[in-house]
Amino acid sequence: MHTAKAQSYAAAEQTDMALRLAFFRDSRCISLHHEVLDIASVCDRVDADALAEDLDTGSARGAMMRDYREYHDKVQGSPHFFLPDGSDVHNPGINLRWEGEPGAGSPVVENDTPGAYEVLVRRALG
């Protein structure tokens, strides 16, 4: 979230994780302004009042749209990691197939490699 990143990378990381958990684990609708603010309010690295002001004024929208235009053809989904060596990995450690049409059917996880993230971190660190 660009508004949290304007505060710090730590704030952005904490907000990102909180929003992902809210969406994927808790089934919260993170497209709603009040939900985002409620979720951010429990993030101790985030100034929730500043975040609310930035969302209300749209101060981060320009940066977000520039990133969108530059990367939208490259991002395959979430999570998708782009590493310092120029490589990228979509959905690391997960192999899946689709039942039905992709995007309309359902993904089926065929295997899961929990150590994939450790490998990515080591790769990123060189």
C-alpha atoms as a PDB file:
ATOM      1  CA  MET A   1       0.000   0.000   0.000  1.00  0.00           C
ATOM      2  CA  HIS A   2       1.600   3.210  -1.206  1.00  0.00           C
ATOM      3  CA  THR A   3       0.099   5.320   1.565  1.00  0.00           C
ATOM      4  CA  ALA A   4       1.721   3.145   4.233  1.00  0.00           C
ATOM      5  CA  LYS A   5       5.002   3.025   2.279  1.00  0.00           C
ATOM      6  CA  ALA A   6       5.100   6.831   2.450  1.00  0.00           C
ATOM      7  CA  GLN A   7       5.415   6.381   6.235  1.00  0.00           C
ATOM      8  CA  SER A   8       8.085   3.648   6.112  1.00  0.00           C
ATOM      9  CA  TYR A   9       8.855   0.310   4.528  1.00  0.00           C
ATOM     10  CA  ALA A  10       8.125  -1.330   7.887  1.00  0.00           C
ATOM     11  CA  ALA A  11       4.680   0.296   7.938  1.00  0.00           C
ATOM     12  CA  ALA A  12       4.042  -0.876   4.373  1.00  0.00           C
ATOM     13  CA  GLU A  13       5.101  -4.439   5.182  1.00  0.00           C
ATOM     14  CA  GLN A  14       2.953  -4.584   8.301  1.00  0.00           C
ATOM     15  CA  THR A  15      -0.068  -3.119   6.503  1.00  0.00           C
ATOM     16  CA  ASP A  16       0.381  -5.503   3.581  1.00  0.00           C
ATOM     17  CA  MET A  17       0.440  -8.539   5.886  1.00  0.00           C
ATOM     18  CA  ALA A  18      -2.542  -7.292   7.894  1.00  0.00           C
ATOM     19  CA  LEU A  19      -4.577  -6.705   4.719  1.00  0.00           C
ATOM     20  CA  ARG A  20      -3.662 -10.132   3.308  1.00  0.00           C
ATOM     21  CA  LEU A  21      -4.660 -11.869   6.538  1.00  0.00           C
ATOM     22  CA  ALA A  22      -7.884  -9.886   6.702  1.00  0.00           C
ATOM     23  CA  PHE A  23      -8.768 -10.832   3.131  1.00  0.00           C
ATOM     24  CA  PHE A  24      -7.560 -14.420   2.831  1.00  0.00           C
ATOM     25  CA  ARG A  25      -7.956 -15.641   6.405  1.00  0.00           C
ATOM     26  CA  ASP A  26     -10.820 -13.525   7.725  1.00  0.00           C
ATOM     27  CA  SER A  27     -12.789 -12.941   4.477  1.00  0.00           C
ATOM     28  CA  ARG A  28     -12.957  -9.199   5.100  1.00  0.00           C
ATOM     29  CA  CYS A  29     -13.742  -6.893   2.196  1.00  0.00           C
ATOM     30  CA  ILE A  30     -10.540  -4.859   1.966  1.00  0.00           C
ATOM     31  CA  SER A  31     -11.889  -2.746  -0.879  1.00  0.00           C
ATOM     32  CA  LEU A  32     -13.965  -0.826   1.662  1.00  0.00           C
ATOM     33  CA  HIS A  33     -12.373   2.311   3.101  1.00  0.00           C
ATOM     34  CA  HIS A  34     -13.565   1.692   6.664  1.00  0.00           C
ATOM     35  CA  GLU A  35     -12.232  -1.889   6.595  1.00  0.00           C
ATOM     36  CA  VAL A  36      -8.774  -0.747   5.493  1.00  0.00           C
ATOM     37  CA  LEU A  37      -8.701   1.848   8.263  1.00  0.00           C
ATOM     38  CA  ASP A  38      -9.937  -0.642  10.862  1.00  0.00           C
ATOM     39  CA  ILE A  39      -7.266  -3.143   9.807  1.00  0.00           C
ATOM     40  CA  ALA A  40      -4.540  -0.482   9.786  1.00  0.00           C
ATOM     41  CA  SER A  41      -5.565   0.734  13.247  1.00  0.00           C
ATOM     42  CA  VAL A  42      -4.049  -2.390  14.833  1.00  0.00           C
ATOM     43  CA  CYS A  43      -0.723  -1.976  13.012  1.00  0.00           C
ATOM     44  CA  ASP A  44       1.684  -0.410  15.512  1.00  0.00           C
ATOM     45  CA  ARG A  45       4.078   0.774  12.776  1.00  0.00           C
ATOM     46  CA  VAL A  46       1.329   2.715  10.986  1.00  0.00           C
ATOM     47  CA  ASP A  47       0.040   6.176  11.774  1.00  0.00           C
ATOM     48  CA  ALA A  48      -3.611   5.346  11.093  1.00  0.00           C
ATOM     49  CA  ASP A  49      -4.688   9.012  11.136  1.00  0.00           C
ATOM     50  CA  ALA A  50      -2.088   9.897   8.487  1.00  0.00           C
ATOM     51  CA  LEU A  51      -3.107   6.834   6.487  1.00  0.00           C
ATOM     52  CA  ALA A  52      -6.761   7.939   6.607  1.00  0.00           C
ATOM     53  CA  GLU A  53      -5.804  11.444   5.458  1.00  0.00           C
ATOM     54  CA  ASP A  54      -3.681  10.057   2.610  1.00  0.00           C
ATOM     55  CA  LEU A  55      -6.504   7.777   1.481  1.00  0.00           C
ATOM     56  CA  ASP A  56      -9.013  10.632   1.663  1.00  0.00           C
ATOM     57  CA  THR A  57      -6.844  13.003  -0.368  1.00  0.00           C
ATOM     58  CA  GLY A  58      -5.499  10.392  -2.770  1.00  0.00           C
ATOM     59  CA  SER A  59      -1.943  11.580  -2.153  1.00  0.00           C
ATOM     60  CA  ALA A  60      -0.425   8.205  -3.122  1.00  0.00           C
ATOM     61  CA  ARG A  61      -2.603   7.591  -6.166  1.00  0.00           C
ATOM     62  CA  GLY A  62      -0.103   9.053  -8.641  1.00  0.00           C
ATOM     63  CA  ALA A  63       2.714   6.784  -7.439  1.00  0.00           C
ATOM     64  CA  MET A  64       0.382   3.785  -7.415  1.00  0.00           C
ATOM     65  CA  MET A  65      -0.782   4.438 -10.978  1.00  0.00           C
ATOM     66  CA  ARG A  66       2.819   4.879 -12.207  1.00  0.00           C
ATOM     67  CA  ASP A  67       3.720   1.503 -10.691  1.00  0.00           C
ATOM     68  CA  TYR A  68       0.586  -0.046 -12.156  1.00  0.00           C
ATOM     69  CA  ARG A  69       1.392   1.202 -15.660  1.00  0.00           C
ATOM     70  CA  GLU A  70       4.994   0.042 -15.425  1.00  0.00           C
ATOM     71  CA  TYR A  71       4.359  -3.432 -13.988  1.00  0.00           C
ATOM     72  CA  HIS A  72       0.803  -4.562 -14.751  1.00  0.00           C
ATOM     73  CA  ASP A  73       1.893  -6.807 -17.635  1.00  0.00           C
ATOM     74  CA  LYS A  74       4.600  -8.421 -15.498  1.00  0.00           C
ATOM     75  CA  VAL A  75       2.651  -9.294 -12.345  1.00  0.00           C
ATOM     76  CA  GLN A  76       0.928 -12.675 -12.678  1.00  0.00           C
ATOM     77  CA  GLY A  77      -0.893 -12.638  -9.351  1.00  0.00           C
ATOM     78  CA  SER A  78      -0.275 -12.532  -5.650  1.00  0.00           C
ATOM     79  CA  PRO A  79       2.196 -13.289  -4.333  1.00  0.00           C
ATOM     80  CA  HIS A  80       4.655 -12.481  -7.110  1.00  0.00           C
ATOM     81  CA  PHE A  81       8.224 -11.695  -6.109  1.00  0.00           C
ATOM     82  CA  PHE A  82      10.736  -9.725  -8.163  1.00  0.00           C
ATOM     83  CA  LEU A  83      14.307 -10.362  -7.062  1.00  0.00           C
ATOM     84  CA  PRO A  84      17.373  -8.089  -7.275  1.00  0.00           C
ATOM     85  CA  ASP A  85      18.976 -10.317  -9.941  1.00  0.00           C
ATOM     86  CA  GLY A  86      16.065  -9.557 -12.298  1.00  0.00           C
ATOM     87  CA  SER A  87      14.350 -12.919 -11.861  1.00  0.00           C
ATOM     88  CA  ASP A  88      10.828 -13.323 -10.565  1.00  0.00           C
ATOM     89  CA  VAL A  89       8.710 -16.050  -8.997  1.00  0.00           C
ATOM     90  CA  HIS A  90       4.928 -16.223  -8.922  1.00  0.00           C
ATOM     91  CA  ASN A  91       3.298 -18.175  -6.092  1.00  0.00           C
ATOM     92  CA  PRO A  92       6.550 -19.749  -4.846  1.00  0.00           C
ATOM     93  CA  GLY A  93       6.375 -23.272  -3.517  1.00  0.00           C
ATOM     94  CA  ILE A  94       2.878 -23.903  -4.840  1.00  0.00           C
ATOM     95  CA  ASN A  95       2.059 -26.027  -7.862  1.00  0.00           C
ATOM     96  CA  LEU A  96      -1.550 -25.923  -8.865  1.00  0.00           C
ATOM     97  CA  ARG A  97      -3.932 -26.738 -11.638  1.00  0.00           C
ATOM     98  CA  TRP A  98      -7.352 -25.375 -12.482  1.00  0.00           C
ATOM     99  CA  GLU A  99     -10.637 -27.214 -12.385  1.00  0.00           C
ATOM    100  CA  GLY A 100     -12.666 -25.529 -15.111  1.00  0.00           C
ATOM    101  CA  GLU A 101     -11.603 -22.401 -16.942  1.00  0.00           C
ATOM    102  CA  PRO A 102      -8.701 -20.427 -15.401  1.00  0.00           C
ATOM    103  CA  GLY A 103     -10.095 -17.468 -13.511  1.00  0.00           C
ATOM    104  CA  ALA A 104     -13.616 -18.891 -13.576  1.00  0.00           C
ATOM    105  CA  GLY A 105     -13.063 -22.356 -12.138  1.00  0.00           C
ATOM    106  CA  SER A 106     -11.222 -23.307  -8.979  1.00  0.00           C
ATOM    107  CA  PRO A 107      -7.510 -23.718  -8.310  1.00  0.00           C
ATOM    108  CA  VAL A 108      -6.427 -27.076  -6.895  1.00  0.00           C
ATOM    109  CA  VAL A 109      -3.089 -27.175  -5.051  1.00  0.00           C
ATOM    110  CA  GLU A 110      -1.160 -30.234  -6.178  1.00  0.00           C
ATOM    111  CA  ASN A 111       1.824 -29.722  -3.890  1.00  0.00           C
ATOM    112  CA  ASP A 112       3.187 -27.218  -1.410  1.00  0.00           C
ATOM    113  CA  THR A 113       6.855 -26.608  -0.587  1.00  0.00           C
ATOM    114  CA  PRO A 114       7.011 -24.593   2.664  1.00  0.00           C
ATOM    115  CA  GLY A 115      10.784 -24.025   2.334  1.00  0.00           C
ATOM    116  CA  ALA A 116      10.368 -22.088  -0.909  1.00  0.00           C
ATOM    117  CA  TYR A 117      10.362 -18.717   0.856  1.00  0.00           C
ATOM    118  CA  GLU A 118      13.618 -19.434   2.669  1.00  0.00           C
ATOM    119  CA  VAL A 119      15.197 -20.276  -0.695  1.00  0.00           C
ATOM    120  CA  LEU A 120      13.919 -16.979  -2.135  1.00  0.00           C
ATOM    121  CA  VAL A 121      15.277 -14.947   0.775  1.00  0.00           C
ATOM    122  CA  ARG A 122      18.676 -16.606   0.435  1.00  0.00           C
ATOM    123  CA  ARG A 123      18.637 -15.917  -3.319  1.00  0.00           C
ATOM    124  CA  ALA A 124      17.700 -12.290  -2.756  1.00  0.00           C
ATOM    125  CA  LEU A 125      20.513 -11.862  -0.259  1.00  0.00           C
ATOM    126  CA  GLY A 126      23.021 -13.344  -2.716  1.00  0.00           C
END
